[in-house]
Amino acid sequence: MAKKKSPILRLFIAMIIGLFVIEMMIELSTGRTMLGGRNGIFISQSHINATMVNSEMKARVRVITATDIYENPLLSSRKVGVLKVGTKLSITGKTTVGKKVWYQVQRFGGKIGYVIPETVVKQ
């Protein structure tokens, strides 16, 4: 006859499995772990080997969809800011990674950030 597991042990096992499932959902949706680490599987080899082309561009735009500012022109890169609808800003350049286009924006402190073009409209 098999020995039954105690209710506390069952609860502990269920909690561990639940945390694992939540961790995997977070990683799959954001590319980051619960502790904030990056899981390298989300940057595909095609992105690593993709050609990156920078070009100058000067434009004034207005945000039409709330969006994040990214540290690098990849969705898996760190988010460094948020732009609200109606925010006006200057585009300082355009970066193309593979077939994906990003606009370069100057953040506070002079650092460059990247936004997705579909979230802004030229004025």
N, C-alpha and C. Protein backbone atom coordinates (compact mmCIF):
# COMPACT_ATOMS: atom_id res chain seq x y z
N MET A 1 0.84 -1.17 0.00
CA MET A 1 0.00 0.00 0.00
C MET A 1 0.90 1.25 0.00
N ALA A 2 0.54 2.22 -0.85
CA ALA A 2 1.34 3.44 -0.94
C ALA A 2 1.04 4.37 0.21
N LYS A 3 2.10 5.03 0.67
CA LYS A 3 1.95 5.96 1.79
C LYS A 3 1.43 7.29 1.25
N LYS A 4 0.39 7.84 1.87
CA LYS A 4 -0.19 9.12 1.45
C LYS A 4 0.71 10.26 1.88
N LYS A 5 0.82 11.28 1.00
CA LYS A 5 1.59 12.47 1.34
C LYS A 5 0.76 13.37 2.24
N SER A 6 1.41 14.06 3.12
CA SER A 6 0.69 14.94 4.03
C SER A 6 0.14 16.14 3.27
N PRO A 7 -0.94 16.75 3.77
CA PRO A 7 -1.53 17.91 3.12
C PRO A 7 -0.54 19.08 3.01
N ILE A 8 0.34 19.24 3.97
CA ILE A 8 1.32 20.33 3.96
C ILE A 8 2.32 20.10 2.83
N LEU A 9 2.77 18.86 2.66
CA LEU A 9 3.70 18.54 1.59
C LEU A 9 3.04 18.77 0.23
N ARG A 10 1.79 18.38 0.09
CA ARG A 10 1.05 18.61 -1.16
C ARG A 10 0.94 20.10 -1.45
N LEU A 11 0.63 20.89 -0.44
CA LEU A 11 0.53 22.33 -0.61
C LEU A 11 1.88 22.93 -1.03
N PHE A 12 2.93 22.50 -0.39
CA PHE A 12 4.27 22.98 -0.73
C PHE A 12 4.62 22.65 -2.18
N ILE A 13 4.35 21.44 -2.61
CA ILE A 13 4.63 21.03 -3.99
C ILE A 13 3.79 21.85 -4.97
N ALA A 14 2.52 22.07 -4.65
CA ALA A 14 1.65 22.87 -5.51
C ALA A 14 2.16 24.31 -5.63
N MET A 15 2.65 24.87 -4.52
CA MET A 15 3.18 26.23 -4.54
C MET A 15 4.43 26.31 -5.42
N ILE A 16 5.31 25.34 -5.32
CA ILE A 16 6.53 25.33 -6.13
C ILE A 16 6.18 25.24 -7.60
N ILE A 17 5.26 24.36 -7.95
CA ILE A 17 4.83 24.23 -9.34
C ILE A 17 4.18 25.52 -9.82
N GLY A 18 3.35 26.14 -8.97
CA GLY A 18 2.71 27.40 -9.33
C GLY A 18 3.71 28.50 -9.58
N LEU A 19 4.71 28.62 -8.72
CA LEU A 19 5.75 29.63 -8.92
C LEU A 19 6.53 29.39 -10.21
N PHE A 20 6.80 28.13 -10.51
CA PHE A 20 7.49 27.80 -11.75
C PHE A 20 6.67 28.22 -12.96
N VAL A 21 5.37 27.94 -12.93
CA VAL A 21 4.48 28.31 -14.04
C VAL A 21 4.42 29.83 -14.20
N ILE A 22 4.30 30.56 -13.09
CA ILE A 22 4.28 32.02 -13.14
C ILE A 22 5.59 32.56 -13.70
N GLU A 23 6.71 32.01 -13.25
CA GLU A 23 8.03 32.42 -13.74
C GLU A 23 8.12 32.23 -15.25
N MET A 24 7.66 31.09 -15.73
CA MET A 24 7.72 30.82 -17.17
C MET A 24 6.83 31.78 -17.95
N MET A 25 5.66 32.10 -17.41
CA MET A 25 4.76 33.05 -18.08
C MET A 25 5.39 34.43 -18.16
N ILE A 26 6.04 34.86 -17.10
CA ILE A 26 6.71 36.16 -17.09
C ILE A 26 7.85 36.16 -18.11
N GLU A 27 8.65 35.11 -18.12
CA GLU A 27 9.76 35.03 -19.07
C GLU A 27 9.27 35.04 -20.51
N LEU A 28 8.22 34.30 -20.80
CA LEU A 28 7.72 34.22 -22.16
C LEU A 28 7.10 35.54 -22.62
N SER A 29 6.50 36.29 -21.71
CA SER A 29 5.86 37.53 -22.11
C SER A 29 6.81 38.73 -22.11
N THR A 30 7.85 38.71 -21.27
CA THR A 30 8.71 39.88 -21.17
C THR A 30 10.17 39.63 -21.50
N GLY A 31 10.58 38.39 -21.51
CA GLY A 31 11.99 38.09 -21.75
C GLY A 31 12.84 38.30 -20.52
N ARG A 32 12.22 38.48 -19.38
CA ARG A 32 12.94 38.69 -18.13
C ARG A 32 12.44 37.72 -17.08
N THR A 33 13.27 37.45 -16.11
CA THR A 33 12.86 36.59 -15.01
C THR A 33 12.20 37.44 -13.94
N MET A 34 11.57 36.81 -12.93
CA MET A 34 10.94 37.57 -11.86
C MET A 34 11.95 38.44 -11.12
N LEU A 35 13.19 38.01 -11.08
CA LEU A 35 14.23 38.77 -10.38
C LEU A 35 14.84 39.84 -11.25
N GLY A 36 14.34 39.98 -12.49
CA GLY A 36 14.81 41.04 -13.37
C GLY A 36 15.95 40.65 -14.29
N GLY A 37 16.43 39.43 -14.20
CA GLY A 37 17.50 39.00 -15.09
C GLY A 37 16.98 38.76 -16.49
N ARG A 38 17.86 38.81 -17.45
CA ARG A 38 17.45 38.56 -18.83
C ARG A 38 17.74 37.13 -19.19
N ASN A 39 16.84 36.55 -19.91
CA ASN A 39 17.01 35.19 -20.39
C ASN A 39 17.36 35.29 -21.86
N GLY A 40 18.56 34.98 -22.24
CA GLY A 40 19.07 35.19 -23.58
C GLY A 40 18.33 34.49 -24.69
N ILE A 41 17.41 33.59 -24.39
CA ILE A 41 16.74 32.87 -25.45
C ILE A 41 15.82 33.74 -26.28
N PHE A 42 15.50 34.94 -25.81
CA PHE A 42 14.54 35.76 -26.51
C PHE A 42 15.16 36.61 -27.61
N ILE A 43 16.46 36.70 -27.66
CA ILE A 43 17.13 37.39 -28.76
C ILE A 43 17.54 36.31 -29.75
N SER A 44 16.78 36.22 -30.81
CA SER A 44 17.03 35.14 -31.75
C SER A 44 18.33 35.38 -32.49
N GLN A 45 18.88 34.32 -33.04
CA GLN A 45 20.12 34.42 -33.80
C GLN A 45 19.96 35.38 -34.96
N SER A 46 18.77 35.46 -35.55
CA SER A 46 18.56 36.37 -36.67
C SER A 46 18.72 37.83 -36.21
N HIS A 47 18.36 38.15 -34.96
CA HIS A 47 18.54 39.51 -34.46
C HIS A 47 20.01 39.79 -34.19
N ILE A 48 20.73 38.80 -33.70
CA ILE A 48 22.15 39.00 -33.39
C ILE A 48 22.92 39.26 -34.68
N ASN A 49 22.58 38.54 -35.73
CA ASN A 49 23.29 38.68 -37.00
C ASN A 49 22.64 39.70 -37.94
N ALA A 50 21.54 40.31 -37.52
CA ALA A 50 20.84 41.27 -38.38
C ALA A 50 21.71 42.51 -38.59
N THR A 51 21.58 43.08 -39.76
CA THR A 51 22.30 44.29 -40.08
C THR A 51 21.63 45.46 -39.38
N MET A 52 22.44 46.28 -38.70
CA MET A 52 21.91 47.46 -38.04
C MET A 52 22.38 48.67 -38.82
N VAL A 53 21.43 49.48 -39.28
CA VAL A 53 21.74 50.66 -40.07
C VAL A 53 21.21 51.89 -39.35
N ASN A 54 22.11 52.82 -39.05
CA ASN A 54 21.73 54.09 -38.43
C ASN A 54 21.74 55.18 -39.49
N SER A 55 20.74 56.04 -39.45
CA SER A 55 20.73 57.17 -40.37
C SER A 55 20.21 58.40 -39.62
N GLU A 56 20.66 59.56 -40.05
CA GLU A 56 20.22 60.80 -39.41
C GLU A 56 18.81 61.10 -39.83
N MET A 57 18.10 61.68 -38.90
CA MET A 57 16.72 62.06 -39.17
C MET A 57 16.34 63.12 -38.16
N LYS A 58 15.79 64.18 -38.60
CA LYS A 58 15.32 65.24 -37.70
C LYS A 58 13.83 65.40 -37.95
N ALA A 59 13.04 65.21 -36.90
CA ALA A 59 11.60 65.36 -37.03
C ALA A 59 10.99 65.64 -35.67
N ARG A 60 9.91 66.38 -35.68
CA ARG A 60 9.10 66.58 -34.47
C ARG A 60 7.92 65.64 -34.60
N VAL A 61 7.64 64.92 -33.53
CA VAL A 61 6.54 63.97 -33.55
C VAL A 61 5.69 64.13 -32.30
N ARG A 62 4.50 63.55 -32.37
CA ARG A 62 3.58 63.52 -31.24
C ARG A 62 3.20 62.06 -31.01
N VAL A 63 3.19 61.65 -29.75
CA VAL A 63 2.87 60.27 -29.39
C VAL A 63 1.37 60.06 -29.55
N ILE A 64 0.98 59.03 -30.32
CA ILE A 64 -0.45 58.73 -30.53
C ILE A 64 -0.88 57.46 -29.77
N THR A 65 0.08 56.67 -29.33
CA THR A 65 -0.18 55.48 -28.53
C THR A 65 0.86 55.45 -27.42
N ALA A 66 0.42 55.37 -26.18
CA ALA A 66 1.38 55.31 -25.07
C ALA A 66 2.40 54.22 -25.36
N THR A 67 3.66 54.52 -25.13
CA THR A 67 4.72 53.58 -25.51
C THR A 67 5.90 53.67 -24.55
N ASP A 68 6.70 52.64 -24.61
CA ASP A 68 7.93 52.60 -23.81
C ASP A 68 9.09 53.13 -24.64
N ILE A 69 10.09 53.66 -23.95
CA ILE A 69 11.37 54.00 -24.57
C ILE A 69 12.31 52.86 -24.20
N TYR A 70 12.98 52.30 -25.20
CA TYR A 70 13.89 51.17 -24.99
C TYR A 70 15.34 51.62 -25.02
N GLU A 71 16.16 50.93 -24.27
CA GLU A 71 17.59 51.23 -24.20
C GLU A 71 18.29 50.94 -25.53
N ASN A 72 17.87 49.89 -26.21
CA ASN A 72 18.42 49.47 -27.50
C ASN A 72 17.28 49.18 -28.46
N PRO A 73 17.54 49.12 -29.76
CA PRO A 73 16.46 48.87 -30.72
C PRO A 73 16.07 47.39 -30.80
N LEU A 74 15.66 46.84 -29.68
CA LEU A 74 15.14 45.47 -29.59
C LEU A 74 14.04 45.45 -28.55
N LEU A 75 12.94 44.76 -28.82
CA LEU A 75 11.86 44.68 -27.83
C LEU A 75 12.30 43.98 -26.56
N SER A 76 13.34 43.18 -26.65
CA SER A 76 13.83 42.47 -25.46
C SER A 76 14.79 43.32 -24.63
N SER A 77 15.11 44.53 -25.09
CA SER A 77 16.03 45.36 -24.32
C SER A 77 15.30 46.03 -23.16
N ARG A 78 16.06 46.63 -22.28
CA ARG A 78 15.52 47.25 -21.06
C ARG A 78 14.69 48.48 -21.40
N LYS A 79 13.54 48.61 -20.75
CA LYS A 79 12.70 49.80 -20.90
C LYS A 79 13.24 50.88 -19.98
N VAL A 80 13.48 52.07 -20.55
CA VAL A 80 14.09 53.15 -19.76
C VAL A 80 13.18 54.35 -19.58
N GLY A 81 11.97 54.28 -20.10
CA GLY A 81 11.04 55.38 -19.93
C GLY A 81 9.71 55.06 -20.56
N VAL A 82 8.75 55.93 -20.31
CA VAL A 82 7.40 55.77 -20.85
C VAL A 82 6.97 57.10 -21.44
N LEU A 83 6.32 57.05 -22.60
CA LEU A 83 5.78 58.25 -23.23
C LEU A 83 4.26 58.17 -23.22
N LYS A 84 3.61 59.22 -22.76
CA LYS A 84 2.16 59.27 -22.71
C LYS A 84 1.62 59.84 -24.02
N VAL A 85 0.36 59.52 -24.32
CA VAL A 85 -0.31 60.05 -25.51
C VAL A 85 -0.28 61.58 -25.45
N GLY A 86 0.07 62.20 -26.58
CA GLY A 86 0.12 63.66 -26.67
C GLY A 86 1.49 64.25 -26.43
N THR A 87 2.43 63.45 -25.90
CA THR A 87 3.78 63.95 -25.66
C THR A 87 4.42 64.32 -26.99
N LYS A 88 5.07 65.48 -27.03
CA LYS A 88 5.78 65.92 -28.24
C LYS A 88 7.26 65.72 -28.00
N LEU A 89 7.97 65.23 -29.02
CA LEU A 89 9.40 65.03 -28.87
C LEU A 89 10.09 65.12 -30.22
N SER A 90 11.41 65.19 -30.16
CA SER A 90 12.22 65.26 -31.37
C SER A 90 12.86 63.91 -31.66
N ILE A 91 12.79 63.52 -32.91
CA ILE A 91 13.47 62.31 -33.37
C ILE A 91 14.85 62.75 -33.85
N THR A 92 15.89 62.06 -33.37
CA THR A 92 17.26 62.44 -33.74
C THR A 92 17.88 61.49 -34.75
N GLY A 93 17.22 60.37 -35.03
CA GLY A 93 17.76 59.42 -35.98
C GLY A 93 16.83 58.24 -36.17
N LYS A 94 17.20 57.41 -37.12
CA LYS A 94 16.43 56.21 -37.43
C LYS A 94 17.39 55.04 -37.45
N THR A 95 17.01 53.95 -36.81
CA THR A 95 17.82 52.74 -36.79
C THR A 95 17.00 51.60 -37.35
N THR A 96 17.59 50.87 -38.27
CA THR A 96 16.93 49.70 -38.84
C THR A 96 17.72 48.48 -38.42
N VAL A 97 17.02 47.53 -37.78
CA VAL A 97 17.63 46.27 -37.37
C VAL A 97 16.92 45.18 -38.15
N GLY A 98 17.64 44.59 -39.11
CA GLY A 98 16.98 43.65 -40.01
C GLY A 98 15.95 44.42 -40.82
N LYS A 99 14.66 44.09 -40.63
CA LYS A 99 13.59 44.80 -41.33
C LYS A 99 12.80 45.72 -40.40
N LYS A 100 13.14 45.74 -39.11
CA LYS A 100 12.41 46.53 -38.12
C LYS A 100 13.03 47.92 -37.98
N VAL A 101 12.20 48.95 -38.08
CA VAL A 101 12.64 50.34 -37.97
C VAL A 101 12.33 50.87 -36.57
N TRP A 102 13.28 51.61 -36.01
CA TRP A 102 13.14 52.27 -34.71
C TRP A 102 13.51 53.73 -34.87
N TYR A 103 12.87 54.61 -34.10
CA TYR A 103 13.26 56.01 -34.05
C TYR A 103 14.12 56.23 -32.82
N GLN A 104 15.19 57.00 -33.00
CA GLN A 104 16.06 57.37 -31.89
C GLN A 104 15.53 58.67 -31.28
N VAL A 105 15.43 58.70 -29.97
CA VAL A 105 15.01 59.92 -29.27
C VAL A 105 16.05 60.24 -28.21
N GLN A 106 16.20 61.53 -27.95
CA GLN A 106 17.15 61.92 -26.90
C GLN A 106 16.40 62.02 -25.59
N ARG A 107 16.88 61.26 -24.62
CA ARG A 107 16.28 61.23 -23.29
C ARG A 107 16.92 62.30 -22.42
N PHE A 108 16.39 62.44 -21.21
CA PHE A 108 17.00 63.35 -20.25
C PHE A 108 18.43 62.92 -19.99
N GLY A 109 19.32 63.86 -19.88
CA GLY A 109 20.72 63.56 -19.65
C GLY A 109 21.48 63.31 -20.94
N GLY A 110 20.81 63.47 -22.09
CA GLY A 110 21.47 63.33 -23.38
C GLY A 110 21.61 61.90 -23.89
N LYS A 111 21.11 60.91 -23.16
CA LYS A 111 21.21 59.53 -23.61
C LYS A 111 20.19 59.25 -24.70
N ILE A 112 20.54 58.34 -25.58
CA ILE A 112 19.66 57.95 -26.69
C ILE A 112 18.76 56.81 -26.24
N GLY A 113 17.49 56.87 -26.65
CA GLY A 113 16.54 55.79 -26.44
C GLY A 113 15.86 55.50 -27.76
N TYR A 114 15.08 54.45 -27.80
CA TYR A 114 14.45 54.03 -29.05
C TYR A 114 12.96 53.81 -28.85
N VAL A 115 12.16 54.26 -29.83
CA VAL A 115 10.72 54.03 -29.82
C VAL A 115 10.30 53.40 -31.14
N ILE A 116 9.16 52.75 -31.10
CA ILE A 116 8.60 52.12 -32.29
C ILE A 116 7.87 53.19 -33.10
N PRO A 117 8.14 53.32 -34.41
CA PRO A 117 7.54 54.38 -35.23
C PRO A 117 6.02 54.38 -35.26
N GLU A 118 5.40 53.23 -35.12
CA GLU A 118 3.94 53.15 -35.21
C GLU A 118 3.24 53.85 -34.04
N THR A 119 4.00 54.24 -33.02
CA THR A 119 3.41 54.88 -31.83
C THR A 119 3.44 56.41 -31.90
N VAL A 120 4.03 56.96 -32.97
CA VAL A 120 4.13 58.42 -33.10
C VAL A 120 3.69 58.84 -34.49
N VAL A 121 3.35 60.14 -34.61
CA VAL A 121 3.00 60.71 -35.90
C VAL A 121 3.78 62.02 -36.06
N LYS A 122 4.27 62.26 -37.27
CA LYS A 122 5.02 63.50 -37.52
C LYS A 122 4.06 64.68 -37.47
N GLN A 123 4.61 65.81 -36.98
CA GLN A 123 3.79 67.04 -36.89
C GLN A 123 4.01 67.90 -38.09
